[in-house]
Protein backbone atom coordinates (compact mmCIF):
# COMPACT_ATOMS: atom_id res chain seq x y z
CA MET A 1 -71.01 55.67 -136.70
CA THR A 2 -71.07 56.99 -133.14
CA THR A 3 -68.69 55.92 -130.41
CA ARG A 4 -70.52 54.96 -127.24
CA PHE A 5 -69.09 54.40 -123.80
CA ARG A 6 -70.38 52.92 -120.57
CA HIS A 7 -69.41 54.82 -117.42
CA TYR A 8 -68.21 52.61 -114.58
CA LYS A 9 -71.39 53.56 -112.67
CA GLY A 10 -73.51 52.27 -115.58
CA GLY A 11 -74.56 55.27 -117.67
CA ILE A 12 -74.26 55.19 -121.48
CA TYR A 13 -72.64 58.16 -123.22
CA GLU A 14 -71.91 59.13 -126.81
CA LEU A 15 -68.57 60.75 -127.59
CA VAL A 16 -69.37 63.95 -129.50
CA CYS A 17 -65.87 65.27 -130.22
CA GLU A 18 -62.52 66.27 -128.84
CA ALA A 19 -62.07 69.98 -128.15
CA THR A 20 -59.23 72.25 -127.09
CA LEU A 21 -59.56 74.22 -123.86
CA GLU A 22 -58.61 77.80 -124.70
CA SER A 23 -56.91 78.65 -121.40
CA ASP A 24 -54.19 75.97 -121.49
CA LEU A 25 -54.71 74.15 -124.84
CA SER A 26 -55.48 70.85 -123.09
CA THR A 27 -57.63 68.30 -124.89
CA MET A 28 -61.19 67.90 -123.63
CA ILE A 29 -63.68 65.13 -124.42
CA VAL A 30 -67.20 66.36 -125.17
CA TYR A 31 -69.86 63.70 -124.63
CA ARG A 32 -73.66 63.38 -124.52
CA ALA A 33 -75.69 61.52 -121.92
CA ALA A 34 -78.77 59.45 -122.80
CA ASN A 35 -80.99 62.32 -121.59
CA GLY A 36 -79.33 64.70 -124.09
CA SER A 37 -77.23 66.68 -121.61
CA ILE A 38 -73.76 67.61 -122.84
CA TRP A 39 -70.67 67.16 -120.66
CA CYS A 40 -66.93 67.58 -121.00
CA ARG A 41 -63.89 66.51 -119.05
CA PRO A 42 -60.15 66.40 -119.68
CA ARG A 43 -59.11 63.60 -122.04
CA GLU A 44 -56.71 62.07 -119.51
CA ILE A 45 -59.50 61.83 -116.93
CA PHE A 46 -62.07 60.46 -119.40
CA PHE A 47 -59.74 57.60 -120.36
CA GLU A 48 -58.07 57.01 -116.99
CA ILE A 49 -58.01 53.76 -115.05
CA ILE A 50 -59.57 54.11 -111.61
CA GLU A 51 -59.96 51.80 -108.63
CA VAL A 52 -63.49 50.70 -107.69
CA ASP A 53 -64.06 48.21 -104.87
CA GLY A 54 -60.41 47.21 -105.01
CA GLN A 55 -60.40 46.56 -108.78
CA LYS A 56 -58.88 48.68 -111.53
CA VAL A 57 -61.42 49.65 -114.20
CA GLN A 58 -61.69 52.19 -117.00
CA ARG A 59 -63.77 55.23 -116.07
CA PHE A 60 -65.45 54.94 -119.50
CA THR A 61 -65.39 51.64 -121.42
CA PRO A 62 -66.12 51.54 -125.18
CA ILE A 63 -69.20 49.50 -126.10
């Protein structure tokens, strides 16, 4: 079973795995866009709450 997320701007992404960044041992989220491109960002940024149009929303919401 894959874990899918919707970005607050509307894109759908599949969580591929968590990885460790070699330089500082921080946890990174590796995820795949619908077009097949692979992306990563720090875990705390992937799961952070952001403000959009005056409302607090998750950057990526599980679907």
